[in-house]
C-alpha atoms as a PDB file:
ATOM      1  CA  UNK A   1       2.518  37.069   5.425  1.00  0.00           C
ATOM      2  CA  UNK A   2       1.414  33.921   3.620  1.00  0.00           C
ATOM      3  CA  UNK A   3       1.635  30.642   5.484  1.00  0.00           C
ATOM      4  CA  UNK A   4       4.082  28.166   3.916  1.00  0.00           C
ATOM      5  CA  UNK A   5       2.631  25.205   2.095  1.00  0.00           C
ATOM      6  CA  UNK A   6       2.489  22.012   4.200  1.00  0.00           C
ATOM      7  CA  UNK A   7       5.353  19.639   3.479  1.00  0.00           C
ATOM      8  CA  UNK A   8       4.487  16.264   1.952  1.00  0.00           C
ATOM      9  CA  UNK A   9       6.967  13.419   2.480  1.00  0.00           C
ATOM     10  CA  UNK A  10       7.059  10.639  -0.114  1.00  0.00           C
ATOM     11  CA  UNK A  11       8.924   7.510   0.922  1.00  0.00           C
ATOM     12  CA  UNK A  12      10.335   5.097  -1.684  1.00  0.00           C
ATOM     13  CA  UNK A  13      11.823   1.926  -0.175  1.00  0.00           C
ATOM     14  CA  UNK A  14      13.960   0.160  -2.764  1.00  0.00           C
ATOM     15  CA  UNK A  15      16.095  -2.898  -3.393  1.00  0.00           C
ATOM     16  CA  UNK A  16      17.857  -3.814  -6.653  1.00  0.00           C
ATOM     17  CA  UNK A  17      15.382  -1.961  -8.856  1.00  0.00           C
ATOM     18  CA  UNK A  18      17.577   0.721 -10.438  1.00  0.00           C
ATOM     19  CA  UNK A  19      16.063   0.125 -13.891  1.00  0.00           C
ATOM     20  CA  UNK A  20      12.585   1.233 -12.726  1.00  0.00           C
ATOM     21  CA  UNK A  21      13.471   3.377  -9.720  1.00  0.00           C
ATOM     22  CA  UNK A  22      14.339   6.417 -11.876  1.00  0.00           C
ATOM     23  CA  UNK A  23      10.788   6.465 -13.235  1.00  0.00           C
ATOM     24  CA  UNK A  24       9.331   6.441  -9.713  1.00  0.00           C
ATOM     25  CA  UNK A  25      11.628   9.278  -8.593  1.00  0.00           C
ATOM     26  CA  UNK A  26      10.891  11.319 -11.706  1.00  0.00           C
ATOM     27  CA  UNK A  27       7.161  11.030 -11.071  1.00  0.00           C
ATOM     28  CA  UNK A  28       7.412  12.467  -7.545  1.00  0.00           C
ATOM     29  CA  UNK A  29       9.955  15.185  -8.265  1.00  0.00           C
ATOM     30  CA  UNK A  30       7.769  16.242 -11.198  1.00  0.00           C
ATOM     31  CA  UNK A  31       4.621  16.723  -9.095  1.00  0.00           C
ATOM     32  CA  UNK A  32       2.631  19.913  -9.654  1.00  0.00           C
ATOM     33  CA  UNK A  33       2.660  20.349  -5.868  1.00  0.00           C
ATOM     34  CA  UNK A  34       6.241  21.403  -5.165  1.00  0.00           C
ATOM     35  CA  UNK A  35       6.461  21.380  -1.337  1.00  0.00           C
ATOM     36  CA  UNK A  36       7.629  17.792  -1.103  1.00  0.00           C
ATOM     37  CA  UNK A  37      10.568  15.806   0.161  1.00  0.00           C
ATOM     38  CA  UNK A  38      11.454  12.461  -1.389  1.00  0.00           C
ATOM     39  CA  UNK A  39      13.076   9.853   0.838  1.00  0.00           C
ATOM     40  CA  UNK A  40      14.698   6.843  -0.818  1.00  0.00           C
ATOM     41  CA  UNK A  41      15.827   4.066   1.502  1.00  0.00           C
ATOM     42  CA  UNK A  42      18.133   1.602  -0.237  1.00  0.00           C
ATOM     43  CA  UNK A  43      18.122  -1.844   1.386  1.00  0.00           C
ATOM     44  CA  UNK A  44      21.777  -2.598   0.499  1.00  0.00           C
ATOM     45  CA  UNK A  45      21.202  -2.992  -3.242  1.00  0.00           C
ATOM     46  CA  UNK A  46      23.998  -4.534  -5.292  1.00  0.00           C
ATOM     47  CA  UNK A  47      23.025  -2.925  -8.602  1.00  0.00           C
ATOM     48  CA  UNK A  48      23.351   0.744  -9.675  1.00  0.00           C
ATOM     49  CA  UNK A  49      20.700   2.008  -7.241  1.00  0.00           C
ATOM     50  CA  UNK A  50      23.161   4.114  -5.247  1.00  0.00           C
ATOM     51  CA  UNK A  51      24.518   5.838  -8.351  1.00  0.00           C
ATOM     52  CA  UNK A  52      21.023   6.599  -9.640  1.00  0.00           C
ATOM     53  CA  UNK A  53      19.904   8.074  -6.324  1.00  0.00           C
ATOM     54  CA  UNK A  54      23.010  10.183  -5.777  1.00  0.00           C
ATOM     55  CA  UNK A  55      22.684  11.641  -9.267  1.00  0.00           C
ATOM     56  CA  UNK A  56      19.085  12.613  -8.523  1.00  0.00           C
ATOM     57  CA  UNK A  57      20.029  14.161  -5.169  1.00  0.00           C
ATOM     58  CA  UNK A  58      22.655  16.330  -6.872  1.00  0.00           C
ATOM     59  CA  UNK A  59      20.054  17.624  -9.329  1.00  0.00           C
ATOM     60  CA  UNK A  60      17.268  18.165  -6.782  1.00  0.00           C
ATOM     61  CA  UNK A  61      17.896  18.842  -3.092  1.00  0.00           C
ATOM     62  CA  UNK A  62      14.388  17.644  -2.212  1.00  0.00           C
ATOM     63  CA  UNK A  63      15.603  14.040  -2.514  1.00  0.00           C
ATOM     64  CA  UNK A  64      17.204  12.445   0.537  1.00  0.00           C
ATOM     65  CA  UNK A  65      19.006   9.129   0.093  1.00  0.00           C
ATOM     66  CA  UNK A  66      19.738   6.562   2.790  1.00  0.00           C
ATOM     67  CA  UNK A  67      21.602   3.306   2.224  1.00  0.00           C
ATOM     68  CA  UNK A  68      21.542   0.409   4.685  1.00  0.00           C
ATOM     69  CA  UNK A  69      24.775  -1.511   5.257  1.00  0.00           C
ATOM     70  CA  UNK A  70      22.920  -4.840   5.181  1.00  0.00           C
ATOM     71  CA  UNK A  71      19.567  -5.992   3.828  1.00  0.00           C
ATOM     72  CA  UNK A  72      17.093  -5.534   6.680  1.00  0.00           C
ATOM     73  CA  UNK A  73      13.991  -6.800   4.870  1.00  0.00           C
ATOM     74  CA  UNK A  74      11.110  -4.915   3.225  1.00  0.00           C
ATOM     75  CA  UNK A  75       9.108  -4.106   6.375  1.00  0.00           C
ATOM     76  CA  UNK A  76      12.134  -2.460   7.968  1.00  0.00           C
ATOM     77  CA  UNK A  77      12.693  -0.477   4.761  1.00  0.00           C
ATOM     78  CA  UNK A  78       9.076   0.717   4.523  1.00  0.00           C
ATOM     79  CA  UNK A  79       9.231   1.741   8.189  1.00  0.00           C
ATOM     80  CA  UNK A  80      12.576   3.496   7.678  1.00  0.00           C
ATOM     81  CA  UNK A  81      11.254   6.015   5.141  1.00  0.00           C
ATOM     82  CA  UNK A  82       8.397   6.846   7.516  1.00  0.00           C
ATOM     83  CA  UNK A  83      10.816   7.405  10.417  1.00  0.00           C
ATOM     84  CA  UNK A  84      12.943   9.697   8.229  1.00  0.00           C
ATOM     85  CA  UNK A  85       9.974  11.765   7.042  1.00  0.00           C
ATOM     86  CA  UNK A  86       9.642  15.325   8.352  1.00  0.00           C
ATOM     87  CA  UNK A  87       6.476  16.381   6.510  1.00  0.00           C
ATOM     88  CA  UNK A  88       3.019  16.935   7.943  1.00  0.00           C
ATOM     89  CA  UNK A  89       1.665  14.484   5.348  1.00  0.00           C
ATOM     90  CA  UNK A  90       3.153  11.188   4.170  1.00  0.00           C
ATOM     91  CA  UNK A  91       2.750   8.563   1.461  1.00  0.00           C
ATOM     92  CA  UNK A  92       4.619   5.504   0.244  1.00  0.00           C
ATOM     93  CA  UNK A  93       5.465   4.736  -3.368  1.00  0.00           C
ATOM     94  CA  UNK A  94       6.817   1.381  -4.561  1.00  0.00           C
ATOM     95  CA  UNK A  95      10.099   1.600  -6.447  1.00  0.00           C
ATOM     96  CA  UNK A  96       8.587   0.139  -9.640  1.00  0.00           C
ATOM     97  CA  UNK A  97       5.450   2.326  -9.650  1.00  0.00           C
ATOM     98  CA  UNK A  98       4.755   5.944 -10.585  1.00  0.00           C
ATOM     99  CA  UNK A  99       2.051   8.553 -10.019  1.00  0.00           C
ATOM    100  CA  UNK A 100       0.249  11.138 -12.146  1.00  0.00           C
ATOM    101  CA  UNK A 101       1.685  14.649 -12.061  1.00  0.00           C
ATOM    102  CA  UNK A 102      -1.301  15.975 -10.101  1.00  0.00           C
ATOM    103  CA  UNK A 103      -1.541  13.049  -7.667  1.00  0.00           C
ATOM    104  CA  UNK A 104      -0.217  14.771  -4.534  1.00  0.00           C
ATOM    105  CA  UNK A 105      -2.128  18.005  -5.207  1.00  0.00           C
ATOM    106  CA  UNK A 106      -5.442  16.201  -5.659  1.00  0.00           C
ATOM    107  CA  UNK A 107      -5.042  14.010  -2.562  1.00  0.00           C
ATOM    108  CA  UNK A 108      -3.810  16.883  -0.398  1.00  0.00           C
ATOM    109  CA  UNK A 109      -6.625  19.165  -1.546  1.00  0.00           C
ATOM    110  CA  UNK A 110      -9.155  16.684  -0.200  1.00  0.00           C
ATOM    111  CA  UNK A 111      -7.279  15.562   2.918  1.00  0.00           C
ATOM    112  CA  UNK A 112      -6.327  19.035   4.157  1.00  0.00           C
ATOM    113  CA  UNK A 113      -9.937  20.251   4.359  1.00  0.00           C
ATOM    114  CA  UNK A 114     -11.391  17.018   5.782  1.00  0.00           C
ATOM    115  CA  UNK A 115     -10.289  16.333   9.374  1.00  0.00           C
ATOM    116  CA  UNK A 116     -12.566  13.275   9.471  1.00  0.00           C
ATOM    117  CA  UNK A 117     -10.665  11.646   6.569  1.00  0.00           C
ATOM    118  CA  UNK A 118      -7.451   9.737   7.336  1.00  0.00           C
ATOM    119  CA  UNK A 119      -6.421   8.459   3.883  1.00  0.00           C
ATOM    120  CA  UNK A 120      -6.944   9.685   0.315  1.00  0.00           C
ATOM    121  CA  UNK A 121      -5.507   7.958  -2.747  1.00  0.00           C
ATOM    122  CA  UNK A 122      -5.915   7.767  -6.485  1.00  0.00           C
ATOM    123  CA  UNK A 123      -7.154   4.678  -8.254  1.00  0.00           C
ATOM    124  CA  UNK A 124      -4.602   1.981  -9.089  1.00  0.00           C
ATOM    125  CA  UNK A 125      -3.844   1.141 -12.701  1.00  0.00           C
ATOM    126  CA  UNK A 126      -2.022  -2.163 -13.183  1.00  0.00           C
ATOM    127  CA  UNK A 127       0.572  -2.461 -15.931  1.00  0.00           C
ATOM    128  CA  UNK A 128       2.121  -5.493 -17.607  1.00  0.00           C
ATOM    129  CA  UNK A 129       4.591  -5.154 -20.502  1.00  0.00           C
ATOM    130  CA  UNK A 130       3.675  -1.492 -20.894  1.00  0.00           C
ATOM    131  CA  UNK A 131      -0.068  -2.100 -21.242  1.00  0.00           C
ATOM    132  CA  UNK A 132      -2.867  -1.500 -18.743  1.00  0.00           C
ATOM    133  CA  UNK A 133      -4.408  -4.859 -17.845  1.00  0.00           C
ATOM    134  CA  UNK A 134      -6.814  -3.862 -15.066  1.00  0.00           C
ATOM    135  CA  UNK A 135      -7.924  -1.133 -12.695  1.00  0.00           C
ATOM    136  CA  UNK A 136      -7.735  -1.549  -8.944  1.00  0.00           C
ATOM    137  CA  UNK A 137     -10.731  -1.547  -6.655  1.00  0.00           C
ATOM    138  CA  UNK A 138     -12.340   1.699  -5.516  1.00  0.00           C
ATOM    139  CA  UNK A 139     -12.305   1.822  -1.718  1.00  0.00           C
ATOM    140  CA  UNK A 140     -14.742   4.303  -0.184  1.00  0.00           C
ATOM    141  CA  UNK A 141     -15.090   4.118   3.596  1.00  0.00           C
ATOM    142  CA  UNK A 142     -17.523   6.769   4.821  1.00  0.00           C
ATOM    143  CA  UNK A 143     -19.147   5.363   7.982  1.00  0.00           C
ATOM    144  CA  UNK A 144     -19.232   7.594  11.067  1.00  0.00           C
ATOM    145  CA  UNK A 145     -18.398   4.935  13.677  1.00  0.00           C
ATOM    146  CA  UNK A 146     -14.784   3.651  13.829  1.00  0.00           C
ATOM    147  CA  UNK A 147     -15.653  -0.071  13.916  1.00  0.00           C
ATOM    148  CA  UNK A 148     -18.101   0.357  11.064  1.00  0.00           C
ATOM    149  CA  UNK A 149     -15.329   1.927   8.996  1.00  0.00           C
ATOM    150  CA  UNK A 150     -12.940  -0.937   9.757  1.00  0.00           C
ATOM    151  CA  UNK A 151     -15.547  -3.520   8.779  1.00  0.00           C
ATOM    152  CA  UNK A 152     -16.426  -1.559   5.624  1.00  0.00           C
ATOM    153  CA  UNK A 153     -12.764  -1.429   4.571  1.00  0.00           C
ATOM    154  CA  UNK A 154     -12.182  -5.170   4.995  1.00  0.00           C
ATOM    155  CA  UNK A 155     -15.299  -6.002   2.992  1.00  0.00           C
ATOM    156  CA  UNK A 156     -14.028  -3.851   0.101  1.00  0.00           C
ATOM    157  CA  UNK A 157     -10.258  -4.413  -0.025  1.00  0.00           C
ATOM    158  CA  UNK A 158      -8.717  -6.623  -2.704  1.00  0.00           C
ATOM    159  CA  UNK A 159      -5.586  -5.241  -4.413  1.00  0.00           C
ATOM    160  CA  UNK A 160      -5.197  -2.568  -1.680  1.00  0.00           C
ATOM    161  CA  UNK A 161      -3.771   0.092  -3.966  1.00  0.00           C
ATOM    162  CA  UNK A 162      -5.163   2.639  -1.494  1.00  0.00           C
ATOM    163  CA  UNK A 163      -2.120   1.805   0.662  1.00  0.00           C
ATOM    164  CA  UNK A 164      -0.226   4.187  -1.641  1.00  0.00           C
ATOM    165  CA  UNK A 165      -2.468   7.115  -0.795  1.00  0.00           C
ATOM    166  CA  UNK A 166      -1.718  10.254   1.207  1.00  0.00           C
ATOM    167  CA  UNK A 167      -2.152  10.272   4.992  1.00  0.00           C
ATOM    168  CA  UNK A 168      -1.325  12.418   7.996  1.00  0.00           C
ATOM    169  CA  UNK A 169       2.043  11.417   9.401  1.00  0.00           C
ATOM    170  CA  UNK A 170       0.917  11.497  13.036  1.00  0.00           C
ATOM    171  CA  UNK A 171      -1.910   9.083  12.286  1.00  0.00           C
ATOM    172  CA  UNK A 172       0.085   6.512  10.348  1.00  0.00           C
ATOM    173  CA  UNK A 173       2.730   6.531  13.089  1.00  0.00           C
ATOM    174  CA  UNK A 174       0.083   5.124  15.443  1.00  0.00           C
ATOM    175  CA  UNK A 175      -0.392   2.031  13.244  1.00  0.00           C
ATOM    176  CA  UNK A 176       2.719  -0.204  13.084  1.00  0.00           C
ATOM    177  CA  UNK A 177       3.665  -2.036   9.908  1.00  0.00           C
ATOM    178  CA  UNK A 178       4.284  -5.649  10.922  1.00  0.00           C
ATOM    179  CA  UNK A 179       6.239  -8.406   9.204  1.00  0.00           C
ATOM    180  CA  UNK A 180       3.342 -10.723   8.377  1.00  0.00           C
ATOM    181  CA  UNK A 181       0.829 -11.572   5.680  1.00  0.00           C
ATOM    182  CA  UNK A 182      -1.549  -8.666   4.992  1.00  0.00           C
ATOM    183  CA  UNK A 183       0.624  -6.129   6.806  1.00  0.00           C
ATOM    184  CA  UNK A 184      -0.557  -3.417   4.392  1.00  0.00           C
ATOM    185  CA  UNK A 185      -4.196  -4.395   5.042  1.00  0.00           C
ATOM    186  CA  UNK A 186      -3.678  -4.115   8.791  1.00  0.00           C
ATOM    187  CA  UNK A 187      -2.141  -0.672   8.444  1.00  0.00           C
ATOM    188  CA  UNK A 188      -4.995   0.667   6.320  1.00  0.00           C
ATOM    189  CA  UNK A 189      -7.489  -1.021   8.648  1.00  0.00           C
ATOM    190  CA  UNK A 190      -5.941   0.927  11.521  1.00  0.00           C
ATOM    191  CA  UNK A 191      -6.212   4.159   9.541  1.00  0.00           C
ATOM    192  CA  UNK A 192      -9.881   3.370   8.872  1.00  0.00           C
ATOM    193  CA  UNK A 193     -10.384   3.288  12.636  1.00  0.00           C
ATOM    194  CA  UNK A 194      -8.990   6.844  12.809  1.00  0.00           C
ATOM    195  CA  UNK A 195     -11.000   8.257   9.907  1.00  0.00           C
ATOM    196  CA  UNK A 196     -12.685   7.872   6.553  1.00  0.00           C
ATOM    197  CA  UNK A 197     -10.922   6.599   3.404  1.00  0.00           C
ATOM    198  CA  UNK A 198     -11.517   7.975  -0.068  1.00  0.00           C
ATOM    199  CA  UNK A 199     -10.407   6.920  -3.556  1.00  0.00           C
ATOM    200  CA  UNK A 200     -10.159   9.633  -6.204  1.00  0.00           C
ATOM    201  CA  UNK A 201     -10.833   8.532  -9.761  1.00  0.00           C
ATOM    202  CA  UNK A 202      -9.255  11.575 -11.423  1.00  0.00           C
ATOM    203  CA  UNK A 203      -5.661  10.635 -10.544  1.00  0.00           C
ATOM    204  CA  UNK A 204      -3.883   7.295 -10.797  1.00  0.00           C
ATOM    205  CA  UNK A 205      -1.038   5.381  -9.223  1.00  0.00           C
ATOM    206  CA  UNK A 206       0.446   3.186 -11.953  1.00  0.00           C
ATOM    207  CA  UNK A 207       1.587  -0.175 -10.603  1.00  0.00           C
ATOM    208  CA  UNK A 208       3.798  -2.754 -12.294  1.00  0.00           C
ATOM    209  CA  UNK A 209       2.490  -6.301 -11.903  1.00  0.00           C
ATOM    210  CA  UNK A 210       5.036  -8.729 -10.491  1.00  0.00           C
ATOM    211  CA  UNK A 211       7.873  -8.117  -8.075  1.00  0.00           C
ATOM    212  CA  UNK A 212       7.816  -9.074  -4.404  1.00  0.00           C
ATOM    213  CA  UNK A 213       4.006  -9.258  -4.261  1.00  0.00           C
ATOM    214  CA  UNK A 214       3.430 -11.340  -7.391  1.00  0.00           C
ATOM    215  CA  UNK A 215       1.938 -14.219  -5.374  1.00  0.00           C
ATOM    216  CA  UNK A 216       1.305 -15.351  -1.805  1.00  0.00           C
ATOM    217  CA  UNK A 217       4.300 -17.679  -2.094  1.00  0.00           C
ATOM    218  CA  UNK A 218       6.537 -14.794  -3.145  1.00  0.00           C
ATOM    219  CA  UNK A 219       5.234 -12.646  -0.282  1.00  0.00           C
ATOM    220  CA  UNK A 220       6.135 -15.397   2.193  1.00  0.00           C
ATOM    221  CA  UNK A 221       9.631 -15.768   0.727  1.00  0.00           C
ATOM    222  CA  UNK A 222      10.206 -12.007   0.795  1.00  0.00           C
ATOM    223  CA  UNK A 223       8.998 -11.610   4.388  1.00  0.00           C
ATOM    224  CA  UNK A 224      10.549 -14.853   5.649  1.00  0.00           C
ATOM    225  CA  UNK A 225       7.185 -16.313   6.654  1.00  0.00           C
ATOM    226  CA  UNK A 226       6.345 -20.053   6.921  1.00  0.00           C
ATOM    227  CA  UNK A 227       5.306 -21.612   3.617  1.00  0.00           C
ATOM    228  CA  UNK A 228       2.061 -22.769   5.238  1.00  0.00           C
ATOM    229  CA  UNK A 229       0.879 -19.158   5.120  1.00  0.00           C
ATOM    230  CA  UNK A 230       0.900 -19.373   1.327  1.00  0.00           C
ATOM    231  CA  UNK A 231      -0.855 -22.761   1.290  1.00  0.00           C
ATOM    232  CA  UNK A 232      -3.822 -21.398   3.275  1.00  0.00           C
ATOM    233  CA  UNK A 233      -3.614 -17.641   2.530  1.00  0.00           C
ATOM    234  CA  UNK A 234      -7.328 -16.999   3.105  1.00  0.00           C
ATOM    235  CA  UNK A 235      -7.122 -18.430   6.631  1.00  0.00           C
ATOM    236  CA  UNK A 236      -3.908 -16.547   7.374  1.00  0.00           C
ATOM    237  CA  UNK A 237      -5.345 -13.238   6.179  1.00  0.00           C
ATOM    238  CA  UNK A 238      -8.530 -13.649   8.222  1.00  0.00           C
ATOM    239  CA  UNK A 239      -6.625 -14.730  11.344  1.00  0.00           C
ATOM    240  CA  UNK A 240      -4.222 -11.769  11.173  1.00  0.00           C
ATOM    241  CA  UNK A 241      -7.059  -9.290  10.710  1.00  0.00           C
ATOM    242  CA  UNK A 242      -9.057 -10.703  13.640  1.00  0.00           C
ATOM    243  CA  UNK A 243      -6.012 -10.937  15.918  1.00  0.00           C
ATOM    244  CA  UNK A 244      -5.039  -7.359  15.153  1.00  0.00           C
ATOM    245  CA  UNK A 245      -8.490  -6.095  16.093  1.00  0.00           C
ATOM    246  CA  UNK A 246      -8.763  -8.264  19.215  1.00  0.00           C
ATOM    247  CA  UNK A 247      -5.390  -8.110  20.962  1.00  0.00           C
ATOM    248  CA  UNK A 248      -2.745  -6.144  19.093  1.00  0.00           C
ATOM    249  CA  UNK A 249      -4.055  -3.164  17.180  1.00  0.00           C
ATOM    250  CA  UNK A 250      -3.173   0.020  19.046  1.00  0.00           C
ATOM    251  CA  UNK A 251      -6.001   1.815  17.248  1.00  0.00           C
ATOM    252  CA  UNK A 252      -8.532  -0.521  18.917  1.00  0.00           C
ATOM    253  CA  UNK A 253      -6.975  -0.715  22.401  1.00  0.00           C
ATOM    254  CA  UNK A 254      -9.426   1.676  24.078  1.00  0.00           C
ATOM    255  CA  UNK A 255     -12.499  -0.306  23.009  1.00  0.00           C
ATOM    256  CA  UNK A 256     -14.207  -2.590  25.571  1.00  0.00           C
ATOM    257  CA  UNK A 257     -13.097  -6.227  25.351  1.00  0.00           C
ATOM    258  CA  UNK A 258     -16.599  -7.500  24.561  1.00  0.00           C
ATOM    259  CA  UNK A 259     -16.936  -5.046  21.687  1.00  0.00           C
ATOM    260  CA  UNK A 260     -13.510  -5.955  20.297  1.00  0.00           C
ATOM    261  CA  UNK A 261     -14.313  -9.667  20.522  1.00  0.00           C
ATOM    262  CA  UNK A 262     -17.556  -9.239  18.611  1.00  0.00           C
ATOM    263  CA  UNK A 263     -16.002  -7.197  15.832  1.00  0.00           C
ATOM    264  CA  UNK A 264     -12.948  -9.459  15.589  1.00  0.00           C
ATOM    265  CA  UNK A 265     -15.255 -12.461  15.067  1.00  0.00           C
ATOM    266  CA  UNK A 266     -17.251 -10.630  12.406  1.00  0.00           C
ATOM    267  CA  UNK A 267     -14.057  -9.547  10.658  1.00  0.00           C
ATOM    268  CA  UNK A 268     -12.704 -13.111  10.602  1.00  0.00           C
ATOM    269  CA  UNK A 269     -15.884 -14.461   9.008  1.00  0.00           C
ATOM    270  CA  UNK A 270     -16.122 -11.566   6.514  1.00  0.00           C
ATOM    271  CA  UNK A 271     -12.472 -11.666   5.394  1.00  0.00           C
ATOM    272  CA  UNK A 272     -12.242 -15.460   5.229  1.00  0.00           C
ATOM    273  CA  UNK A 273     -15.520 -15.850   3.328  1.00  0.00           C
ATOM    274  CA  UNK A 274     -14.725 -13.062   0.886  1.00  0.00           C
ATOM    275  CA  UNK A 275     -11.221 -14.317   0.191  1.00  0.00           C
ATOM    276  CA  UNK A 276     -12.456 -17.852  -0.453  1.00  0.00           C
ATOM    277  CA  UNK A 277     -14.973 -16.537  -2.986  1.00  0.00           C
ATOM    278  CA  UNK A 278     -12.334 -14.348  -4.655  1.00  0.00           C
ATOM    279  CA  UNK A 279      -9.838 -17.227  -4.840  1.00  0.00           C
ATOM    280  CA  UNK A 280     -12.399 -19.635  -6.310  1.00  0.00           C
ATOM    281  CA  UNK A 281     -13.455 -17.023  -8.863  1.00  0.00           C
ATOM    282  CA  UNK A 282      -9.836 -16.430  -9.939  1.00  0.00           C
ATOM    283  CA  UNK A 283      -9.161 -20.163 -10.263  1.00  0.00           C
ATOM    284  CA  UNK A 284     -12.348 -20.659 -12.278  1.00  0.00           C
ATOM    285  CA  UNK A 285     -11.355 -17.767 -14.532  1.00  0.00           C
ATOM    286  CA  UNK A 286      -7.921 -19.306 -15.167  1.00  0.00           C
ATOM    287  CA  UNK A 287      -9.507 -22.685 -15.967  1.00  0.00           C
ATOM    288  CA  UNK A 288     -11.885 -21.040 -18.445  1.00  0.00           C
ATOM    289  CA  UNK A 289      -9.021 -19.147 -20.067  1.00  0.00           C
ATOM    290  CA  UNK A 290      -7.000 -22.362 -20.515  1.00  0.00           C
ATOM    291  CA  UNK A 291     -10.070 -24.119 -21.932  1.00  0.00           C
ATOM    292  CA  UNK A 292     -10.667 -21.308 -24.447  1.00  0.00           C
ATOM    293  CA  UNK A 293      -6.999 -21.325 -25.420  1.00  0.00           C
ATOM    294  CA  UNK A 294      -7.044 -25.081 -26.059  1.00  0.00           C
ATOM    295  CA  UNK A 295     -10.292 -24.790 -28.036  1.00  0.00           C
ATOM    296  CA  UNK A 296      -8.772 -22.056 -30.201  1.00  0.00           C
ATOM    297  CA  UNK A 297      -5.674 -24.156 -30.928  1.00  0.00           C
ATOM    298  CA  UNK A 298      -7.814 -27.191 -31.722  1.00  0.00           C
ATOM    299  CA  UNK A 299      -9.964 -25.161 -34.153  1.00  0.00           C
ATOM    300  CA  UNK A 300      -6.855 -24.158 -36.072  1.00  0.00           C
END
């Protein structure tokens, strides 16, 4: 007798995004890999989200819909779909994004035969006004030692599209998603401690630019964080990463204190320095773009 295919749970937390949510749901229900369950957690939306989801659930029993009575915030909603998942494997999908038809099959094919790999995702493709404006970073974390993998991840991460990759449910449950700046970084950093991370170039997760993560200021407003976190985002990111490794991250708790202290210090310096360089580069790029735009107008 053939063994049943492993169940893959795909969680879509949503809030007031009914116009784009249908596209996200269509992309997961239309996957070439059919053994999936789709969990939509509605954070008390006031638009037509409930109607859209209930119509989908009537057409396809693989979709499960949950609606909160009150808005509990995005971290609660992301955690809710994970708690509701019953599959052996799990992934998140933002309510305004969508995935290629072979996304789950490709990620599962790699993850299921590689016990030393904890996370596999396709490359991110960023969309604005229907056009592709950039590709996300390729994160490949292949070191054998856990701390080396964590350090490797934090020296590579930028857009962190790998957060929307496929993972084993039991592993991601060991890494809490916290309500703070870089919560998605901390989660993937914890997964890197458990195993390798791979980005597949043959499949894509298509991500709409904008929304709740359009800027550091918007992230702080969405999560209810102090505005100072957006004023000094590089410092906040580095501090959260180092603190997680030193005193809070369950994935690191069994390491000797001296070892954790050393790696936390290295992580702080690496993340802070890299983010400062990235921020300066982005600001310089914007200045150059404005200068070119003014020069073009003047030439006319």
